[in-house]
């Protein structure tokens, strides 16, 4: 598997597309689905990371956002 991956990494885009076009349709669809899933996951991680970075300072410095953390250790759901 590793040898094949190294081979694929050295291929040009044109060569890679030509190889994919030689595959049966079911395999081509599977490759497309895996590629799209990979792109979506990468985009989601990037977006979430950027959002967390953007809000980190605000969360750390704005006491209104952390006001309820003082009661986190209270037994909120326990019956009294």
PDB file of N, CA and C in Angstrom:
ATOM      1  N   UNK A   1       0.835  -1.200   0.000  1.00  0.00           N
ATOM      2  CA  UNK A   1       0.000   0.000   0.000  1.00  0.00           C
ATOM      3  C   UNK A   1       0.875   1.258   0.000  1.00  0.00           C
ATOM      4  N   UNK A   2       1.933   1.261   0.823  1.00  0.00           N
ATOM      5  CA  UNK A   2       2.819   2.420   0.906  1.00  0.00           C
ATOM      6  C   UNK A   2       3.496   2.695  -0.434  1.00  0.00           C
ATOM      7  N   UNK A   3       3.900   1.633  -1.124  1.00  0.00           N
ATOM      8  CA  UNK A   3       4.544   1.798  -2.433  1.00  0.00           C
ATOM      9  C   UNK A   3       3.571   2.450  -3.404  1.00  0.00           C
ATOM     10  N   UNK A   4       2.331   2.008  -3.374  1.00  0.00           N
ATOM     11  CA  UNK A   4       1.317   2.583  -4.265  1.00  0.00           C
ATOM     12  C   UNK A   4       1.074   4.051  -3.948  1.00  0.00           C
ATOM     13  N   UNK A   5       1.039   4.388  -2.654  1.00  0.00           N
ATOM     14  CA  UNK A   5       0.825   5.783  -2.267  1.00  0.00           C
ATOM     15  C   UNK A   5       1.979   6.659  -2.755  1.00  0.00           C
ATOM     16  N   UNK A   6       3.202   6.168  -2.633  1.00  0.00           N
ATOM     17  CA  UNK A   6       4.347   6.937  -3.129  1.00  0.00           C
ATOM     18  C   UNK A   6       4.246   7.131  -4.634  1.00  0.00           C
ATOM     19  N   UNK A   7       3.809   6.091  -5.327  1.00  0.00           N
ATOM     20  CA  UNK A   7       3.628   6.183  -6.778  1.00  0.00           C
ATOM     21  C   UNK A   7       2.585   7.243  -7.113  1.00  0.00           C
ATOM     22  N   UNK A   8       1.468   7.238  -6.394  1.00  0.00           N
ATOM     23  CA  UNK A   8       0.407   8.211  -6.652  1.00  0.00           C
ATOM     24  C   UNK A   8       0.878   9.636  -6.362  1.00  0.00           C
ATOM     25  N   UNK A   9       1.698   9.815  -5.351  1.00  0.00           N
ATOM     26  CA  UNK A   9       2.194  11.151  -5.016  1.00  0.00           C
ATOM     27  C   UNK A   9       3.099  11.710  -6.103  1.00  0.00           C
ATOM     28  N   UNK A  10       3.798  10.834  -6.832  1.00  0.00           N
ATOM     29  CA  UNK A  10       4.707  11.294  -7.876  1.00  0.00           C
ATOM     30  C   UNK A  10       3.993  11.536  -9.205  1.00  0.00           C
ATOM     31  N   UNK A  11       2.765  11.103  -9.313  1.00  0.00           N
ATOM     32  CA  UNK A  11       2.028  11.272 -10.561  1.00  0.00           C
ATOM     33  C   UNK A  11       1.608  12.723 -10.750  1.00  0.00           C
ATOM     34  N   UNK A  12       1.566  13.146 -11.992  1.00  0.00           N
ATOM     35  CA  UNK A  12       1.033  14.472 -12.287  1.00  0.00           C
ATOM     36  C   UNK A  12      -0.490  14.396 -12.203  1.00  0.00           C
ATOM     37  N   UNK A  13      -1.113  15.536 -12.156  1.00  0.00           N
ATOM     38  CA  UNK A  13      -2.579  15.571 -12.107  1.00  0.00           C
ATOM     39  C   UNK A  13      -3.168  14.867 -13.318  1.00  0.00           C
ATOM     40  N   UNK A  14      -2.597  15.111 -14.469  1.00  0.00           N
ATOM     41  CA  UNK A  14      -3.087  14.501 -15.696  1.00  0.00           C
ATOM     42  C   UNK A  14      -2.966  12.977 -15.622  1.00  0.00           C
ATOM     43  N   UNK A  15      -1.836  12.485 -15.158  1.00  0.00           N
ATOM     44  CA  UNK A  15      -1.639  11.039 -15.038  1.00  0.00           C
ATOM     45  C   UNK A  15      -2.620  10.433 -14.046  1.00  0.00           C
ATOM     46  N   UNK A  16      -2.831  11.117 -12.954  1.00  0.00           N
ATOM     47  CA  UNK A  16      -3.757  10.627 -11.933  1.00  0.00           C
ATOM     48  C   UNK A  16      -5.177  10.540 -12.482  1.00  0.00           C
ATOM     49  N   UNK A  17      -5.602  11.559 -13.201  1.00  0.00           N
ATOM     50  CA  UNK A  17      -6.939  11.552 -13.797  1.00  0.00           C
ATOM     51  C   UNK A  17      -7.065  10.426 -14.823  1.00  0.00           C
ATOM     52  N   UNK A  18      -6.034  10.223 -15.622  1.00  0.00           N
ATOM     53  CA  UNK A  18      -6.060   9.133 -16.610  1.00  0.00           C
ATOM     54  C   UNK A  18      -6.184   7.778 -15.927  1.00  0.00           C
ATOM     55  N   UNK A  19      -5.472   7.591 -14.817  1.00  0.00           N
ATOM     56  CA  UNK A  19      -5.562   6.325 -14.078  1.00  0.00           C
ATOM     57  C   UNK A  19      -6.963   6.138 -13.502  1.00  0.00           C
ATOM     58  N   UNK A  20      -7.521   7.186 -12.968  1.00  0.00           N
ATOM     59  CA  UNK A  20      -8.869   7.102 -12.400  1.00  0.00           C
ATOM     60  C   UNK A  20      -9.879   6.773 -13.487  1.00  0.00           C
ATOM     61  N   UNK A  21      -9.715   7.340 -14.667  1.00  0.00           N
ATOM     62  CA  UNK A  21     -10.651   7.086 -15.766  1.00  0.00           C
ATOM     63  C   UNK A  21     -10.620   5.638 -16.236  1.00  0.00           C
ATOM     64  N   UNK A  22      -9.565   4.920 -15.947  1.00  0.00           N
ATOM     65  CA  UNK A  22      -9.467   3.506 -16.323  1.00  0.00           C
ATOM     66  C   UNK A  22     -10.221   2.583 -15.367  1.00  0.00           C
ATOM     67  N   UNK A  23     -10.580   3.101 -14.213  1.00  0.00           N
ATOM     68  CA  UNK A  23     -11.271   2.300 -13.201  1.00  0.00           C
ATOM     69  C   UNK A  23     -12.736   2.104 -13.558  1.00  0.00           C
ATOM     70  N   UNK A  24     -13.345   1.049 -13.018  1.00  0.00           N
ATOM     71  CA  UNK A  24     -14.798   0.876 -13.184  1.00  0.00           C
ATOM     72  C   UNK A  24     -15.539   2.046 -12.520  1.00  0.00           C
ATOM     73  N   UNK A  25     -16.725   2.308 -12.979  1.00  0.00           N
ATOM     74  CA  UNK A  25     -17.502   3.455 -12.485  1.00  0.00           C
ATOM     75  C   UNK A  25     -17.701   3.402 -10.973  1.00  0.00           C
ATOM     76  N   UNK A  26     -17.978   2.237 -10.424  1.00  0.00           N
ATOM     77  CA  UNK A  26     -18.198   2.131  -8.976  1.00  0.00           C
ATOM     78  C   UNK A  26     -16.964   2.579  -8.197  1.00  0.00           C
ATOM     79  N   UNK A  27     -15.787   2.214  -8.678  1.00  0.00           N
ATOM     80  CA  UNK A  27     -14.549   2.631  -8.022  1.00  0.00           C
ATOM     81  C   UNK A  27     -14.320   4.131  -8.177  1.00  0.00           C
ATOM     82  N   UNK A  28     -14.650   4.666  -9.336  1.00  0.00           N
ATOM     83  CA  UNK A  28     -14.503   6.099  -9.566  1.00  0.00           C
ATOM     84  C   UNK A  28     -15.405   6.899  -8.636  1.00  0.00           C
ATOM     85  N   UNK A  29     -16.620   6.426  -8.465  1.00  0.00           N
ATOM     86  CA  UNK A  29     -17.565   7.099  -7.561  1.00  0.00           C
ATOM     87  C   UNK A  29     -17.052   7.023  -6.130  1.00  0.00           C
ATOM     88  N   UNK A  30     -16.509   5.863  -5.747  1.00  0.00           N
ATOM     89  CA  UNK A  30     -15.974   5.708  -4.392  1.00  0.00           C
ATOM     90  C   UNK A  30     -14.823   6.680  -4.146  1.00  0.00           C
ATOM     91  N   UNK A  31     -13.969   6.871  -5.145  1.00  0.00           N
ATOM     92  CA  UNK A  31     -12.860   7.822  -5.027  1.00  0.00           C
ATOM     93  C   UNK A  31     -13.390   9.244  -4.885  1.00  0.00           C
ATOM     94  N   UNK A  32     -14.394   9.588  -5.682  1.00  0.00           N
ATOM     95  CA  UNK A  32     -14.986  10.933  -5.593  1.00  0.00           C
ATOM     96  C   UNK A  32     -15.609  11.182  -4.221  1.00  0.00           C
ATOM     97  N   UNK A  33     -16.346  10.200  -3.729  1.00  0.00           N
ATOM     98  CA  UNK A  33     -16.987  10.347  -2.427  1.00  0.00           C
ATOM     99  C   UNK A  33     -15.952  10.512  -1.318  1.00  0.00           C
ATOM    100  N   UNK A  34     -14.892   9.714  -1.366  1.00  0.00           N
ATOM    101  CA  UNK A  34     -13.849   9.813  -0.342  1.00  0.00           C
ATOM    102  C   UNK A  34     -13.139  11.165  -0.424  1.00  0.00           C
ATOM    103  N   UNK A  35     -12.903  11.637  -1.626  1.00  0.00           N
ATOM    104  CA  UNK A  35     -12.249  12.931  -1.807  1.00  0.00           C
ATOM    105  C   UNK A  35     -13.119  14.061  -1.278  1.00  0.00           C
ATOM    106  N   UNK A  36     -14.400  14.037  -1.611  1.00  0.00           N
ATOM    107  CA  UNK A  36     -15.315  15.069  -1.113  1.00  0.00           C
ATOM    108  C   UNK A  36     -15.419  15.042   0.407  1.00  0.00           C
ATOM    109  N   UNK A  37     -15.498  13.842   0.973  1.00  0.00           N
ATOM    110  CA  UNK A  37     -15.577  13.718   2.430  1.00  0.00           C
ATOM    111  C   UNK A  37     -14.318  14.305   3.078  1.00  0.00           C
ATOM    112  N   UNK A  38     -13.177  14.017   2.500  1.00  0.00           N
ATOM    113  CA  UNK A  38     -11.913  14.544   3.013  1.00  0.00           C
ATOM    114  C   UNK A  38     -11.880  16.066   2.946  1.00  0.00           C
ATOM    115  N   UNK A  39     -12.326  16.621   1.837  1.00  0.00           N
ATOM    116  CA  UNK A  39     -12.354  18.080   1.690  1.00  0.00           C
ATOM    117  C   UNK A  39     -13.300  18.727   2.692  1.00  0.00           C
ATOM    118  N   UNK A  40     -14.461  18.119   2.880  1.00  0.00           N
ATOM    119  CA  UNK A  40     -15.432  18.678   3.833  1.00  0.00           C
ATOM    120  C   UNK A  40     -14.887  18.640   5.253  1.00  0.00           C
ATOM    121  N   UNK A  41     -14.266  17.520   5.628  1.00  0.00           N
ATOM    122  CA  UNK A  41     -13.711  17.397   6.972  1.00  0.00           C
ATOM    123  C   UNK A  41     -12.607  18.419   7.194  1.00  0.00           C
ATOM    124  N   UNK A  42     -11.741  18.591   6.216  1.00  0.00           N
ATOM    125  CA  UNK A  42     -10.650  19.549   6.340  1.00  0.00           C
ATOM    126  C   UNK A  42     -11.197  20.970   6.459  1.00  0.00           C
ATOM    127  N   UNK A  43     -12.197  21.300   5.650  1.00  0.00           N
ATOM    128  CA  UNK A  43     -12.805  22.637   5.689  1.00  0.00           C
ATOM    129  C   UNK A  43     -13.482  22.879   7.035  1.00  0.00           C
ATOM    130  N   UNK A  44     -14.192  21.875   7.545  1.00  0.00           N
ATOM    131  CA  UNK A  44     -14.869  22.020   8.831  1.00  0.00           C
ATOM    132  C   UNK A  44     -13.860  22.234   9.953  1.00  0.00           C
ATOM    133  N   UNK A  45     -12.794  21.437   9.961  1.00  0.00           N
ATOM    134  CA  UNK A  45     -11.768  21.600  10.991  1.00  0.00           C
ATOM    135  C   UNK A  45     -11.140  22.981  10.912  1.00  0.00           C
ATOM    136  N   UNK A  46     -10.883  23.440   9.715  1.00  0.00           N
ATOM    137  CA  UNK A  46     -10.276  24.759   9.528  1.00  0.00           C
ATOM    138  C   UNK A  46     -11.213  25.855  10.026  1.00  0.00           C
ATOM    139  N   UNK A  47     -12.474  25.752   9.673  1.00  0.00           N
ATOM    140  CA  UNK A  47     -13.462  26.748  10.084  1.00  0.00           C
ATOM    141  C   UNK A  47     -13.620  26.771  11.598  1.00  0.00           C
ATOM    142  N   UNK A  48     -13.719  25.596  12.209  1.00  0.00           N
ATOM    143  CA  UNK A  48     -13.869  25.532  13.662  1.00  0.00           C
ATOM    144  C   UNK A  48     -12.628  26.051  14.375  1.00  0.00           C
ATOM    145  N   UNK A  49     -11.476  25.744  13.835  1.00  0.00           N
ATOM    146  CA  UNK A  49     -10.232  26.220  14.432  1.00  0.00           C
ATOM    147  C   UNK A  49     -10.132  27.743  14.362  1.00  0.00           C
ATOM    148  N   UNK A  50     -10.487  28.303  13.222  1.00  0.00           N
ATOM    149  CA  UNK A  50     -10.457  29.766  13.073  1.00  0.00           C
ATOM    150  C   UNK A  50     -11.448  30.425  14.022  1.00  0.00           C
ATOM    151  N   UNK A  51     -12.630  29.834  14.163  1.00  0.00           N
ATOM    152  CA  UNK A  51     -13.643  30.397  15.057  1.00  0.00           C
ATOM    153  C   UNK A  51     -13.163  30.343  16.507  1.00  0.00           C
ATOM    154  N   UNK A  52     -12.569  29.232  16.899  1.00  0.00           N
ATOM    155  CA  UNK A  52     -12.067  29.107  18.270  1.00  0.00           C
ATOM    156  C   UNK A  52     -10.954  30.114  18.527  1.00  0.00           C
ATOM    157  N   UNK A  53     -10.052  30.257  17.577  1.00  0.00           N
ATOM    158  CA  UNK A  53      -8.968  31.238  17.725  1.00  0.00           C
ATOM    159  C   UNK A  53      -9.515  32.654  17.852  1.00  0.00           C
ATOM    160  N   UNK A  54     -10.524  32.970  17.047  1.00  0.00           N
ATOM    161  CA  UNK A  54     -11.094  34.311  17.056  1.00  0.00           C
ATOM    162  C   UNK A  54     -11.785  34.631  18.385  1.00  0.00           C
ATOM    163  N   UNK A  55     -12.370  33.630  19.011  1.00  0.00           N
ATOM    164  CA  UNK A  55     -13.130  33.869  20.238  1.00  0.00           C
ATOM    165  C   UNK A  55     -12.355  33.595  21.519  1.00  0.00           C
ATOM    166  N   UNK A  56     -11.168  33.028  21.400  1.00  0.00           N
ATOM    167  CA  UNK A  56     -10.414  32.648  22.601  1.00  0.00           C
ATOM    168  C   UNK A  56     -10.139  33.835  23.519  1.00  0.00           C
ATOM    169  N   UNK A  57      -9.625  34.917  22.978  1.00  0.00           N
ATOM    170  CA  UNK A  57      -9.312  36.091  23.796  1.00  0.00           C
ATOM    171  C   UNK A  57     -10.569  36.638  24.451  1.00  0.00           C
ATOM    172  N   UNK A  58     -11.634  36.722  23.699  1.00  0.00           N
ATOM    173  CA  UNK A  58     -12.904  37.230  24.237  1.00  0.00           C
ATOM    174  C   UNK A  58     -13.382  36.352  25.391  1.00  0.00           C
ATOM    175  N   UNK A  59     -13.289  35.052  25.224  1.00  0.00           N
ATOM    176  CA  UNK A  59     -13.742  34.137  26.270  1.00  0.00           C
ATOM    177  C   UNK A  59     -12.875  34.257  27.525  1.00  0.00           C
ATOM    178  N   UNK A  60     -11.591  34.413  27.334  1.00  0.00           N
ATOM    179  CA  UNK A  60     -10.680  34.491  28.481  1.00  0.00           C
ATOM    180  C   UNK A  60     -10.792  35.815  29.233  1.00  0.00           C
ATOM    181  N   UNK A  61     -11.178  36.888  28.561  1.00  0.00           N
ATOM    182  CA  UNK A  61     -11.178  38.207  29.203  1.00  0.00           C
ATOM    183  C   UNK A  61     -12.561  38.729  29.561  1.00  0.00           C
ATOM    184  N   UNK A  62     -13.612  38.244  28.935  1.00  0.00           N
ATOM    185  CA  UNK A  62     -14.957  38.753  29.176  1.00  0.00           C
ATOM    186  C   UNK A  62     -15.624  37.943  30.287  1.00  0.00           C
ATOM    187  N   UNK A  63     -15.706  38.525  31.454  1.00  0.00           N
ATOM    188  CA  UNK A  63     -16.280  37.823  32.614  1.00  0.00           C
ATOM    189  C   UNK A  63     -17.750  37.481  32.423  1.00  0.00           C
ATOM    190  N   UNK A  64     -18.459  38.206  31.582  1.00  0.00           N
ATOM    191  CA  UNK A  64     -19.863  37.887  31.331  1.00  0.00           C
ATOM    192  C   UNK A  64     -20.009  36.525  30.660  1.00  0.00           C
ATOM    193  N   UNK A  65     -19.013  36.134  29.879  1.00  0.00           N
ATOM    194  CA  UNK A  65     -19.070  34.837  29.207  1.00  0.00           C
ATOM    195  C   UNK A  65     -18.726  33.678  30.132  1.00  0.00           C
ATOM    196  N   UNK A  66     -18.045  33.971  31.212  1.00  0.00           N
ATOM    197  CA  UNK A  66     -17.624  32.904  32.124  1.00  0.00           C
ATOM    198  C   UNK A  66     -18.279  33.013  33.499  1.00  0.00           C
ATOM    199  N   UNK A  67     -19.293  33.827  33.617  1.00  0.00           N
ATOM    200  CA  UNK A  67     -19.929  34.066  34.919  1.00  0.00           C
ATOM    201  C   UNK A  67     -20.459  32.777  35.548  1.00  0.00           C
ATOM    202  N   UNK A  68     -20.980  31.882  34.763  1.00  0.00           N
ATOM    203  CA  UNK A  68     -21.590  30.671  35.313  1.00  0.00           C
ATOM    204  C   UNK A  68     -20.577  29.570  35.612  1.00  0.00           C
ATOM    205  N   UNK A  69     -19.335  29.744  35.244  1.00  0.00           N
ATOM    206  CA  UNK A  69     -18.342  28.714  35.553  1.00  0.00           C
ATOM    207  C   UNK A  69     -18.074  28.621  37.045  1.00  0.00           C
ATOM    208  N   UNK A  70     -18.428  29.654  37.793  1.00  0.00           N
ATOM    209  CA  UNK A  70     -18.260  29.615  39.250  1.00  0.00           C
ATOM    210  C   UNK A  70     -19.149  28.556  39.893  1.00  0.00           C
ATOM    211  N   UNK A  71     -20.254  28.205  39.262  1.00  0.00           N
ATOM    212  CA  UNK A  71     -21.179  27.219  39.847  1.00  0.00           C
ATOM    213  C   UNK A  71     -21.069  25.862  39.163  1.00  0.00           C
ATOM    214  N   UNK A  72     -20.056  25.659  38.338  1.00  0.00           N
ATOM    215  CA  UNK A  72     -19.902  24.381  37.632  1.00  0.00           C
ATOM    216  C   UNK A  72     -19.816  23.185  38.574  1.00  0.00           C
ATOM    217  N   UNK A  73     -19.219  23.359  39.716  1.00  0.00           N
ATOM    218  CA  UNK A  73     -19.037  22.239  40.628  1.00  0.00           C
ATOM    219  C   UNK A  73     -20.247  22.005  41.526  1.00  0.00           C
ATOM    220  N   UNK A  74     -21.239  22.878  41.475  1.00  0.00           N
ATOM    221  CA  UNK A  74     -22.455  22.674  42.269  1.00  0.00           C
ATOM    222  C   UNK A  74     -23.210  21.460  41.759  1.00  0.00           C
ATOM    223  N   UNK A  75     -23.874  20.780  42.660  1.00  0.00           N
ATOM    224  CA  UNK A  75     -24.679  19.605  42.305  1.00  0.00           C
ATOM    225  C   UNK A  75     -26.033  20.074  41.794  1.00  0.00           C
ATOM    226  N   UNK A  76     -26.060  20.587  40.605  1.00  0.00           N
ATOM    227  CA  UNK A  76     -27.243  21.208  40.036  1.00  0.00           C
ATOM    228  C   UNK A  76     -28.423  20.226  39.900  1.00  0.00           C
ATOM    229  N   UNK A  77     -28.158  19.018  39.463  1.00  0.00           N
ATOM    230  CA  UNK A  77     -29.230  18.072  39.200  1.00  0.00           C
ATOM    231  C   UNK A  77     -29.543  17.148  40.372  1.00  0.00           C
ATOM    232  N   UNK A  78     -28.826  17.275  41.447  1.00  0.00           N
ATOM    233  CA  UNK A  78     -29.099  16.398  42.606  1.00  0.00           C
ATOM    234  C   UNK A  78     -30.332  16.883  43.354  1.00  0.00           C
ATOM    235  N   UNK A  79     -31.120  15.919  43.775  1.00  0.00           N
ATOM    236  CA  UNK A  79     -32.306  16.252  44.567  1.00  0.00           C
ATOM    237  C   UNK A  79     -31.850  16.637  45.974  1.00  0.00           C
ATOM    238  N   UNK A  80     -32.535  17.599  46.554  1.00  0.00           N
ATOM    239  CA  UNK A  80     -32.155  18.038  47.912  1.00  0.00           C
ATOM    240  C   UNK A  80     -33.163  17.589  48.913  1.00  0.00           C
TER     241      UNK A  80
END
